[in-house]
C-alpha atoms as a PDB file:
ATOM      1  CA  MET A   1      -0.143  -0.008  -0.023  1.00  0.00           C
ATOM      2  CA  LYS A   2       1.419   3.417  -0.864  1.00  0.00           C
ATOM      3  CA  VAL A   3       1.654   6.201   1.637  1.00  0.00           C
ATOM      4  CA  VAL A   4       1.212   9.698   0.278  1.00  0.00           C
ATOM      5  CA  LYS A   5       2.890  12.479   2.294  1.00  0.00           C
ATOM      6  CA  VAL A   6       0.821  15.953   2.632  1.00  0.00           C
ATOM      7  CA  GLY A   7       3.010  18.157   4.492  1.00  0.00           C
ATOM      8  CA  GLN A   8       3.867  16.341   7.528  1.00  0.00           C
ATOM      9  CA  LEU A   9       1.089  14.116   7.484  1.00  0.00           C
ATOM     10  CA  SER A  10       1.342  10.535   6.349  1.00  0.00           C
ATOM     11  CA  VAL A  11      -1.852   9.360   4.308  1.00  0.00           C
ATOM     12  CA  GLY A  12      -2.478   5.782   3.650  1.00  0.00           C
ATOM     13  CA  ASN A  13      -4.837   2.836   4.106  1.00  0.00           C
ATOM     14  CA  ASP A  14      -2.934   1.529   7.049  1.00  0.00           C
ATOM     15  CA  CYS A  15      -1.971   5.006   8.422  1.00  0.00           C
ATOM     16  CA  PRO A  16      -4.285   6.722  11.131  1.00  0.00           C
ATOM     17  CA  LEU A  17      -7.159   8.453   9.524  1.00  0.00           C
ATOM     18  CA  VAL A  18      -6.871  11.670   8.005  1.00  0.00           C
ATOM     19  CA  VAL A  19     -10.177  13.798   8.176  1.00  0.00           C
ATOM     20  CA  ILE A  20     -10.550  16.342   5.031  1.00  0.00           C
ATOM     21  CA  ALA A  21     -12.954  18.823   6.282  1.00  0.00           C
ATOM     22  CA  GLY A  22     -14.021  22.405   5.753  1.00  0.00           C
ATOM     23  CA  PRO A  23     -16.972  24.428   3.974  1.00  0.00           C
ATOM     24  CA  CYS A  24     -18.086  23.739   0.590  1.00  0.00           C
ATOM     25  CA  GLN A  25     -16.795  27.231  -0.546  1.00  0.00           C
ATOM     26  CA  LEU A  26     -14.797  29.985   0.784  1.00  0.00           C
ATOM     27  CA  GLU A  27     -16.903  32.807   2.186  1.00  0.00           C
ATOM     28  CA  SER A  28     -14.242  35.120   3.525  1.00  0.00           C
ATOM     29  CA  LEU A  29     -10.630  34.478   5.152  1.00  0.00           C
ATOM     30  CA  ASP A  30     -12.032  35.105   8.914  1.00  0.00           C
ATOM     31  CA  HIS A  31     -14.736  32.424   8.229  1.00  0.00           C
ATOM     32  CA  ALA A  32     -12.005  29.704   6.709  1.00  0.00           C
ATOM     33  CA  GLN A  33      -9.822  30.400   9.740  1.00  0.00           C
ATOM     34  CA  MET A  34     -12.519  29.904  12.329  1.00  0.00           C
ATOM     35  CA  ILE A  35     -13.772  26.634  11.001  1.00  0.00           C
ATOM     36  CA  ALA A  36      -9.969  25.505  10.216  1.00  0.00           C
ATOM     37  CA  GLY A  37      -9.072  26.448  13.747  1.00  0.00           C
ATOM     38  CA  VAL A  38     -12.292  24.515  15.264  1.00  0.00           C
ATOM     39  CA  MET A  39     -11.613  21.410  12.846  1.00  0.00           C
ATOM     40  CA  ALA A  40      -7.821  21.208  13.789  1.00  0.00           C
ATOM     41  CA  GLU A  41      -8.638  21.351  17.539  1.00  0.00           C
ATOM     42  CA  ALA A  42     -11.290  18.763  17.158  1.00  0.00           C
ATOM     43  CA  CYS A  43      -8.761  16.259  15.294  1.00  0.00           C
ATOM     44  CA  LYS A  44      -5.952  17.006  17.548  1.00  0.00           C
ATOM     45  CA  ALA A  45      -8.217  16.264  20.857  1.00  0.00           C
ATOM     46  CA  ALA A  46      -9.274  12.971  18.783  1.00  0.00           C
ATOM     47  CA  GLU A  47      -5.635  12.112  17.647  1.00  0.00           C
ATOM     48  CA  ALA A  48      -6.908  12.350  13.779  1.00  0.00           C
ATOM     49  CA  GLN A  49      -4.608  13.806  11.126  1.00  0.00           C
ATOM     50  CA  PHE A  50      -6.265  16.811   9.372  1.00  0.00           C
ATOM     51  CA  ILE A  51      -6.386  18.597   6.112  1.00  0.00           C
ATOM     52  CA  PHE A  52      -8.686  21.785   5.713  1.00  0.00           C
ATOM     53  CA  LYS A  53     -10.758  22.072   2.416  1.00  0.00           C
ATOM     54  CA  ALA A  54     -12.562  24.852   0.505  1.00  0.00           C
ATOM     55  CA  SER A  55     -13.293  25.614  -2.806  1.00  0.00           C
ATOM     56  CA  TYR A  56     -12.592  29.301  -4.250  1.00  0.00           C
ATOM     57  CA  ASP A  57     -14.724  28.557  -7.039  1.00  0.00           C
ATOM     58  CA  LYS A  58     -17.910  26.218  -7.398  1.00  0.00           C
ATOM     59  CA  ALA A  59     -17.982  26.274 -11.159  1.00  0.00           C
ATOM     60  CA  ASN A  60     -20.732  23.391 -11.545  1.00  0.00           C
ATOM     61  CA  ARG A  61     -23.527  24.998  -9.652  1.00  0.00           C
ATOM     62  CA  SER A  62     -27.204  23.675 -10.625  1.00  0.00           C
ATOM     63  CA  ALA A  63     -28.240  26.983 -11.862  1.00  0.00           C
ATOM     64  CA  LEU A  64     -26.862  30.219 -12.942  1.00  0.00           C
ATOM     65  CA  SER A  65     -27.761  32.058  -9.712  1.00  0.00           C
ATOM     66  CA  GLY A  66     -25.793  29.759  -7.528  1.00  0.00           C
ATOM     67  CA  LYS A  67     -22.965  31.524  -5.639  1.00  0.00           C
ATOM     68  CA  ARG A  68     -19.805  30.229  -6.750  1.00  0.00           C
ATOM     69  CA  GLY A  69     -16.927  31.482  -3.998  1.00  0.00           C
ATOM     70  CA  LEU A  70     -14.297  34.212  -3.774  1.00  0.00           C
ATOM     71  CA  GLY A  71     -12.638  33.446  -6.865  1.00  0.00           C
ATOM     72  CA  LEU A  72      -9.314  32.112  -7.908  1.00  0.00           C
ATOM     73  CA  GLU A  73      -6.953  35.155  -6.494  1.00  0.00           C
ATOM     74  CA  ALA A  74      -8.940  35.904  -3.435  1.00  0.00           C
ATOM     75  CA  GLY A  75      -9.386  32.297  -2.671  1.00  0.00           C
ATOM     76  CA  LEU A  76      -5.752  31.061  -2.853  1.00  0.00           C
ATOM     77  CA  THR A  77      -4.871  34.051  -0.687  1.00  0.00           C
ATOM     78  CA  ALA A  78      -7.433  33.041   2.057  1.00  0.00           C
ATOM     79  CA  LEU A  79      -6.119  29.315   1.640  1.00  0.00           C
ATOM     80  CA  ALA A  80      -2.576  30.177   1.834  1.00  0.00           C
ATOM     81  CA  ALA A  81      -3.489  32.081   5.136  1.00  0.00           C
ATOM     82  CA  VAL A  82      -4.698  29.148   6.647  1.00  0.00           C
ATOM     83  CA  ARG A  83      -1.761  26.807   5.335  1.00  0.00           C
ATOM     84  CA  ALA A  84       0.927  29.494   6.893  1.00  0.00           C
ATOM     85  CA  THR A  85      -0.777  28.349  10.344  1.00  0.00           C
ATOM     86  CA  GLY A  86       0.705  24.791   9.553  1.00  0.00           C
ATOM     87  CA  ILE A  87      -2.497  23.278   8.376  1.00  0.00           C
ATOM     88  CA  PRO A  88      -2.349  21.236   5.143  1.00  0.00           C
ATOM     89  CA  VAL A  89      -5.001  22.600   2.559  1.00  0.00           C
ATOM     90  CA  LEU A  90      -6.876  21.358  -0.400  1.00  0.00           C
ATOM     91  CA  THR A  91      -8.793  22.737  -3.037  1.00  0.00           C
ATOM     92  CA  ASP A  92     -10.389  21.511  -6.205  1.00  0.00           C
ATOM     93  CA  VAL A  93      -9.606  22.869  -9.882  1.00  0.00           C
ATOM     94  CA  HIS A  94     -11.447  22.886 -13.121  1.00  0.00           C
ATOM     95  CA  ASP A  95      -8.836  23.682 -15.827  1.00  0.00           C
ATOM     96  CA  VAL A  96      -5.382  23.425 -16.496  1.00  0.00           C
ATOM     97  CA  ALA A  97      -4.431  27.038 -15.792  1.00  0.00           C
ATOM     98  CA  GLN A  98      -6.037  26.699 -12.343  1.00  0.00           C
ATOM     99  CA  ALA A  99      -4.283  23.407 -11.659  1.00  0.00           C
ATOM    100  CA  ARG A 100      -0.864  24.978 -12.369  1.00  0.00           C
ATOM    101  CA  GLU A 101      -1.698  27.939 -10.187  1.00  0.00           C
ATOM    102  CA  ALA A 102      -3.311  26.295  -7.471  1.00  0.00           C
ATOM    103  CA  ALA A 103      -0.552  23.924  -6.938  1.00  0.00           C
ATOM    104  CA  THR A 104       1.963  26.773  -6.214  1.00  0.00           C
ATOM    105  CA  VAL A 105      -0.177  27.558  -2.943  1.00  0.00           C
ATOM    106  CA  VAL A 106      -2.020  24.308  -1.589  1.00  0.00           C
ATOM    107  CA  ASP A 107      -0.675  21.007  -0.687  1.00  0.00           C
ATOM    108  CA  VAL A 108      -3.639  19.188  -2.447  1.00  0.00           C
ATOM    109  CA  ILE A 109      -5.099  19.752  -5.766  1.00  0.00           C
ATOM    110  CA  GLN A 110      -8.335  17.970  -6.208  1.00  0.00           C
ATOM    111  CA  ILE A 111     -10.063  16.923  -9.655  1.00  0.00           C
ATOM    112  CA  PRO A 112     -13.748  17.109  -9.299  1.00  0.00           C
ATOM    113  CA  ALA A 113     -15.928  13.929 -10.025  1.00  0.00           C
ATOM    114  CA  PHE A 114     -17.278  15.712 -13.218  1.00  0.00           C
ATOM    115  CA  LEU A 115     -13.813  16.034 -14.498  1.00  0.00           C
ATOM    116  CA  CYS A 116     -12.157  12.906 -13.378  1.00  0.00           C
ATOM    117  CA  ARG A 117     -11.649  11.574 -17.064  1.00  0.00           C
ATOM    118  CA  GLN A 118     -10.433  15.076 -18.400  1.00  0.00           C
ATOM    119  CA  THR A 119      -6.793  13.717 -19.600  1.00  0.00           C
ATOM    120  CA  ASP A 120      -5.372  17.110 -20.000  1.00  0.00           C
ATOM    121  CA  LEU A 121      -6.394  18.190 -16.488  1.00  0.00           C
ATOM    122  CA  LEU A 122      -5.076  15.215 -15.110  1.00  0.00           C
ATOM    123  CA  LEU A 123      -1.664  15.258 -16.819  1.00  0.00           C
ATOM    124  CA  THR A 124      -1.543  18.892 -15.632  1.00  0.00           C
ATOM    125  CA  ALA A 125      -2.289  18.144 -12.033  1.00  0.00           C
ATOM    126  CA  GLY A 126       0.263  15.197 -11.780  1.00  0.00           C
ATOM    127  CA  GLN A 127       2.993  17.467 -13.582  1.00  0.00           C
ATOM    128  CA  SER A 128       2.417  20.058 -10.830  1.00  0.00           C
ATOM    129  CA  GLY A 129       4.065  17.977  -8.321  1.00  0.00           C
ATOM    130  CA  ALA A 130       1.247  18.588  -5.708  1.00  0.00           C
ATOM    131  CA  VAL A 131      -0.649  15.658  -4.042  1.00  0.00           C
ATOM    132  CA  VAL A 132      -3.665  14.799  -6.443  1.00  0.00           C
ATOM    133  CA  ASN A 133      -7.020  13.872  -5.042  1.00  0.00           C
ATOM    134  CA  ILE A 134      -9.249  12.397  -7.789  1.00  0.00           C
ATOM    135  CA  LYS A 135     -12.938  12.113  -6.905  1.00  0.00           C
ATOM    136  CA  LYS A 136     -14.511   9.064  -8.687  1.00  0.00           C
ATOM    137  CA  GLY A 137     -17.317  10.395 -11.198  1.00  0.00           C
ATOM    138  CA  GLN A 138     -20.783   9.330 -10.272  1.00  0.00           C
ATOM    139  CA  PHE A 139     -21.003   7.603 -13.999  1.00  0.00           C
ATOM    140  CA  LEU A 140     -17.779   5.403 -13.063  1.00  0.00           C
ATOM    141  CA  ALA A 141     -17.525   1.958 -11.843  1.00  0.00           C
ATOM    142  CA  PRO A 142     -14.726   1.702  -8.984  1.00  0.00           C
ATOM    143  CA  TRP A 143     -12.512  -0.486 -11.007  1.00  0.00           C
ATOM    144  CA  ASP A 144     -12.490   2.335 -13.788  1.00  0.00           C
ATOM    145  CA  MET A 145     -10.478   4.426 -11.490  1.00  0.00           C
ATOM    146  CA  GLU A 146      -7.220   2.550 -12.045  1.00  0.00           C
ATOM    147  CA  HIS A 147      -7.065   3.940 -15.655  1.00  0.00           C
ATOM    148  CA  VAL A 148      -7.766   7.334 -14.177  1.00  0.00           C
ATOM    149  CA  ALA A 149      -4.994   7.390 -11.649  1.00  0.00           C
ATOM    150  CA  GLN A 150      -2.621   5.688 -14.353  1.00  0.00           C
ATOM    151  CA  LYS A 151      -3.092   9.307 -16.050  1.00  0.00           C
ATOM    152  CA  VAL A 152      -1.632  11.158 -13.304  1.00  0.00           C
ATOM    153  CA  ALA A 153       0.823   8.396 -12.518  1.00  0.00           C
ATOM    154  CA  SER A 154       2.180   8.494 -16.050  1.00  0.00           C
ATOM    155  CA  THR A 155       3.905  12.068 -15.212  1.00  0.00           C
ATOM    156  CA  GLY A 156       5.766  10.404 -12.445  1.00  0.00           C
ATOM    157  CA  ASN A 157       3.905  11.603  -9.880  1.00  0.00           C
ATOM    158  CA  GLN A 158       2.390   8.720  -7.411  1.00  0.00           C
ATOM    159  CA  GLN A 159       1.380  11.044  -4.746  1.00  0.00           C
ATOM    160  CA  ILE A 160      -2.452  10.391  -5.849  1.00  0.00           C
ATOM    161  CA  LEU A 161      -5.710   9.835  -3.426  1.00  0.00           C
ATOM    162  CA  LEU A 162      -8.803   8.311  -4.684  1.00  0.00           C
ATOM    163  CA  THR A 163     -12.257   9.529  -3.421  1.00  0.00           C
ATOM    164  CA  GLU A 164     -15.512   7.541  -3.416  1.00  0.00           C
ATOM    165  CA  ARG A 165     -18.496   9.927  -3.635  1.00  0.00           C
ATOM    166  CA  GLY A 166     -21.534   7.891  -4.631  1.00  0.00           C
ATOM    167  CA  SER A 167     -22.848   6.853  -8.063  1.00  0.00           C
ATOM    168  CA  SER A 168     -25.909   7.852  -9.828  1.00  0.00           C
ATOM    169  CA  PHE A 169     -29.118   6.166  -9.093  1.00  0.00           C
ATOM    170  CA  GLY A 170     -32.064   7.541 -11.140  1.00  0.00           C
ATOM    171  CA  TYR A 171     -32.735  11.073 -11.251  1.00  0.00           C
ATOM    172  CA  ASN A 172     -31.429  13.550  -8.550  1.00  0.00           C
ATOM    173  CA  THR A 173     -30.165  10.522  -6.281  1.00  0.00           C
ATOM    174  CA  LEU A 174     -27.230   8.840  -5.448  1.00  0.00           C
ATOM    175  CA  VAL A 175     -26.207   5.613  -3.894  1.00  0.00           C
ATOM    176  CA  ALA A 176     -22.909   4.541  -2.131  1.00  0.00           C
ATOM    177  CA  ASP A 177     -21.759   0.990  -2.581  1.00  0.00           C
ATOM    178  CA  MET A 178     -19.435   0.217   0.085  1.00  0.00           C
ATOM    179  CA  ARG A 179     -17.657  -2.448  -1.985  1.00  0.00           C
ATOM    180  CA  ALA A 180     -16.213   0.301  -3.910  1.00  0.00           C
ATOM    181  CA  LEU A 181     -13.835   1.237  -1.145  1.00  0.00           C
ATOM    182  CA  PRO A 182     -11.931  -2.089  -1.013  1.00  0.00           C
ATOM    183  CA  ILE A 183     -11.967  -2.240  -4.759  1.00  0.00           C
ATOM    184  CA  LEU A 184     -10.291   1.250  -5.145  1.00  0.00           C
ATOM    185  CA  ALA A 185      -7.825   0.062  -2.222  1.00  0.00           C
ATOM    186  CA  ARG A 186      -6.559  -2.704  -4.761  1.00  0.00           C
ATOM    187  CA  THR A 187      -5.115   0.210  -6.702  1.00  0.00           C
ATOM    188  CA  GLY A 188      -2.745   0.399  -3.655  1.00  0.00           C
ATOM    189  CA  TYR A 189      -3.449   4.220  -3.575  1.00  0.00           C
ATOM    190  CA  PRO A 190      -5.106   5.593  -0.333  1.00  0.00           C
ATOM    191  CA  VAL A 191      -8.808   5.723  -0.469  1.00  0.00           C
ATOM    192  CA  ILE A 192     -10.893   8.253   0.921  1.00  0.00           C
ATOM    193  CA  MET A 193     -14.520   8.516   1.569  1.00  0.00           C
ATOM    194  CA  ASP A 194     -16.742  11.590   0.606  1.00  0.00           C
ATOM    195  CA  ALA A 195     -19.582  11.297   3.322  1.00  0.00           C
ATOM    196  CA  THR A 196     -21.233  14.380   2.710  1.00  0.00           C
ATOM    197  CA  HIS A 197     -21.394  14.471  -0.959  1.00  0.00           C
ATOM    198  CA  SER A 198     -22.566  10.826  -0.924  1.00  0.00           C
ATOM    199  CA  VAL A 199     -25.879  11.929   0.353  1.00  0.00           C
ATOM    200  CA  GLN A 200     -26.158  14.730  -1.612  1.00  0.00           C
ATOM    201  CA  GLN A 201     -29.358  15.004  -4.247  1.00  0.00           C
ATOM    202  CA  PRO A 202     -27.872  16.644  -7.333  1.00  0.00           C
ATOM    203  CA  GLY A 203     -30.088  19.189  -8.495  1.00  0.00           C
ATOM    204  CA  GLY A 204     -32.817  18.065  -6.216  1.00  0.00           C
ATOM    205  CA  ASN A 205     -34.071  21.545  -4.885  1.00  0.00           C
ATOM    206  CA  GLY A 206     -34.454  22.731  -8.614  1.00  0.00           C
ATOM    207  CA  THR A 207     -32.132  25.531  -8.736  1.00  0.00           C
ATOM    208  CA  SER A 208     -29.698  23.962  -6.192  1.00  0.00           C
ATOM    209  CA  SER A 209     -28.991  20.451  -4.826  1.00  0.00           C
ATOM    210  CA  GLY A 210     -30.642  18.862  -1.774  1.00  0.00           C
ATOM    211  CA  GLY A 211     -29.226  16.507   0.553  1.00  0.00           C
ATOM    212  CA  GLN A 212     -29.891  14.102   3.659  1.00  0.00           C
ATOM    213  CA  ARG A 213     -27.295  15.509   6.072  1.00  0.00           C
ATOM    214  CA  GLU A 214     -28.473  13.158   8.573  1.00  0.00           C
ATOM    215  CA  PHE A 215     -27.158  10.194   6.835  1.00  0.00           C
ATOM    216  CA  ALA A 216     -23.748  11.616   6.448  1.00  0.00           C
ATOM    217  CA  PRO A 217     -22.268  10.569   9.775  1.00  0.00           C
ATOM    218  CA  VAL A 218     -23.659   6.918   8.910  1.00  0.00           C
ATOM    219  CA  MET A 219     -21.558   6.770   5.657  1.00  0.00           C
ATOM    220  CA  ALA A 220     -18.743   8.051   7.522  1.00  0.00           C
ATOM    221  CA  ARG A 221     -18.786   5.387   9.988  1.00  0.00           C
ATOM    222  CA  CYS A 222     -19.731   2.640   7.709  1.00  0.00           C
ATOM    223  CA  ALA A 223     -16.556   3.497   5.575  1.00  0.00           C
ATOM    224  CA  VAL A 224     -14.228   3.960   8.300  1.00  0.00           C
ATOM    225  CA  ALA A 225     -15.143   0.663   9.599  1.00  0.00           C
ATOM    226  CA  LEU A 226     -13.752  -0.705   6.411  1.00  0.00           C
ATOM    227  CA  GLY A 227     -10.180   0.617   7.192  1.00  0.00           C
ATOM    228  CA  ILE A 228      -9.420   3.313   4.629  1.00  0.00           C
ATOM    229  CA  ALA A 229      -7.058   6.563   4.461  1.00  0.00           C
ATOM    230  CA  GLY A 230      -9.437   9.145   5.312  1.00  0.00           C
ATOM    231  CA  VAL A 231     -12.858  10.773   5.095  1.00  0.00           C
ATOM    232  CA  PHE A 232     -14.032  13.876   3.333  1.00  0.00           C
ATOM    233  CA  ILE A 233     -16.632  15.960   5.197  1.00  0.00           C
ATOM    234  CA  GLU A 234     -17.974  19.154   4.513  1.00  0.00           C
ATOM    235  CA  THR A 235     -19.047  21.228   7.655  1.00  0.00           C
ATOM    236  CA  HIS A 236     -20.339  24.852   8.433  1.00  0.00           C
ATOM    237  CA  GLU A 237     -21.660  26.398  11.708  1.00  0.00           C
ATOM    238  CA  ASP A 238     -25.007  27.132  10.025  1.00  0.00           C
ATOM    239  CA  PRO A 239     -25.459  24.681   7.020  1.00  0.00           C
ATOM    240  CA  ASP A 240     -28.817  26.074   6.376  1.00  0.00           C
ATOM    241  CA  SER A 241     -27.589  29.518   5.600  1.00  0.00           C
ATOM    242  CA  ALA A 242     -24.276  28.171   3.812  1.00  0.00           C
ATOM    243  CA  PRO A 243     -24.218  29.415   0.177  1.00  0.00           C
ATOM    244  CA  SER A 244     -23.679  25.742  -1.103  1.00  0.00           C
ATOM    245  CA  ASP A 245     -24.539  22.132  -0.349  1.00  0.00           C
ATOM    246  CA  GLY A 246     -26.024  23.020   3.025  1.00  0.00           C
ATOM    247  CA  PRO A 247     -28.395  20.355   2.988  1.00  0.00           C
ATOM    248  CA  ASN A 248     -25.641  17.574   3.200  1.00  0.00           C
ATOM    249  CA  MET A 249     -23.208  19.525   5.314  1.00  0.00           C
ATOM    250  CA  ILE A 250     -22.700  18.363   8.834  1.00  0.00           C
ATOM    251  CA  PRO A 251     -22.850  21.168  11.609  1.00  0.00           C
ATOM    252  CA  LEU A 252     -19.541  22.222  12.853  1.00  0.00           C
ATOM    253  CA  SER A 253     -20.761  21.949  16.432  1.00  0.00           C
ATOM    254  CA  GLN A 254     -21.193  17.933  15.910  1.00  0.00           C
ATOM    255  CA  MET A 255     -17.881  17.367  14.198  1.00  0.00           C
ATOM    256  CA  ARG A 256     -15.847  16.774  17.594  1.00  0.00           C
ATOM    257  CA  GLY A 257     -18.094  13.957  18.509  1.00  0.00           C
ATOM    258  CA  LEU A 258     -18.059  12.496  15.031  1.00  0.00           C
ATOM    259  CA  ILE A 259     -14.513  12.443  14.673  1.00  0.00           C
ATOM    260  CA  GLY A 260     -13.925  10.743  18.091  1.00  0.00           C
ATOM    261  CA  SER A 261     -16.117   8.018  17.169  1.00  0.00           C
ATOM    262  CA  LEU A 262     -14.510   7.624  13.636  1.00  0.00           C
ATOM    263  CA  MET A 263     -11.083   7.231  15.453  1.00  0.00           C
ATOM    264  CA  ALA A 264     -12.569   4.503  17.365  1.00  0.00           C
ATOM    265  CA  PHE A 265     -13.871   2.711  14.250  1.00  0.00           C
ATOM    266  CA  ASP A 266     -10.529   3.306  12.571  1.00  0.00           C
ATOM    267  CA  ARG A 267      -8.503   1.988  15.336  1.00  0.00           C
ATOM    268  CA  LEU A 268     -10.729  -1.282  15.308  1.00  0.00           C
ATOM    269  CA  ALA A 269     -10.522  -1.555  11.700  1.00  0.00           C
ATOM    270  CA  LYS A 270      -6.731  -1.460  11.243  1.00  0.00           C
ATOM    271  CA  SER A 271      -6.286  -3.915  14.117  1.00  0.00           C
ATOM    272  CA  ASP A 272      -8.316  -6.397  12.251  1.00  0.00           C
ATOM    273  CA  PRO A 273      -6.172  -9.266  10.770  1.00  0.00           C
ATOM    274  CA  LEU A 274      -9.214 -10.369   8.602  1.00  0.00           C
ATOM    275  CA  ARG A 275      -9.591  -6.692   7.047  1.00  0.00           C
ATOM    276  CA  VAL A 276     -10.410  -6.977   3.186  1.00  0.00           C
END
C-alpha cells in the first residue's frame, strides 16, 4: 500500500485516519480560519490527522444564480493564510491553468468528479508536483479509477488519493456502494470516502442540490469501519445558511463527537487481521 505525504502527514490505508474537512466554498478569510481552527482542535483531541478543504470557485452550480465563492485570486490568498498556520490545505481545480496556479499555494489539488476523465487536466495536475485527489465520477465503476490514476501516475507523480462519492441512482439521487472502497484500495493508492457528497441529491431542489445530512455520519462510520485512509466531510456552523451544499453538510458543532467515534472505528478496523 502506498503512503502519500501531505506536508508532515502520512496518508495511507494503513495509517491513522485523515479527516479532510471544511466548508463547501470559501466565504471569507475569517470564516475559513475559524472553521480550520475549530477542526484542527477537534482532530488533535481525537488524534486524527487533518487537512482543511474549501473551494474558491464552485464552477458546477445547478443554476446560473448559484453562488460560486471568492474566485481564484482571493480564494488562494485565503487558503495560503490557513496553510501558513501549519494546516495542510486542499482545493479543487477545473482547468489546466487553475491546476498550475493552485499547486503553487495548496498541498492537495482535487479533480472534481465531473472532470475525473479529463486527460489534460489530470496530466497537468500530475506534472504540478502536488498531491492529487481524484474524485470518482458518479458515472464510473470503482474499477475504472485505475485507468484514471494511471494518467496522473504517467507523469511520475505517485502522490495520488482516490475518493468515492457515490454513484448516480436514477434522477437526483446517489447511492454509495461500500464495495467500492476495497475495490479502489486494490490500486494501492489511499482511499477517501466523501461522506457528505454521497448523501447529496444533485439538483434535487431545482436551482440547487438537496441532501440528507442526517445520513452523512452513517456513511462516514460505515466507510471508516472498512479501514481506509480518510474521510472527506463538508461542515459549516450554520449549514442552512451556507451558500452551497448546505443540505448535506454536517454542523460544525457536531464534528468533535463524530471524529472521536470515527477514530474508534479506525483503530478497530486497522487492528483486524481479517480486514478486506
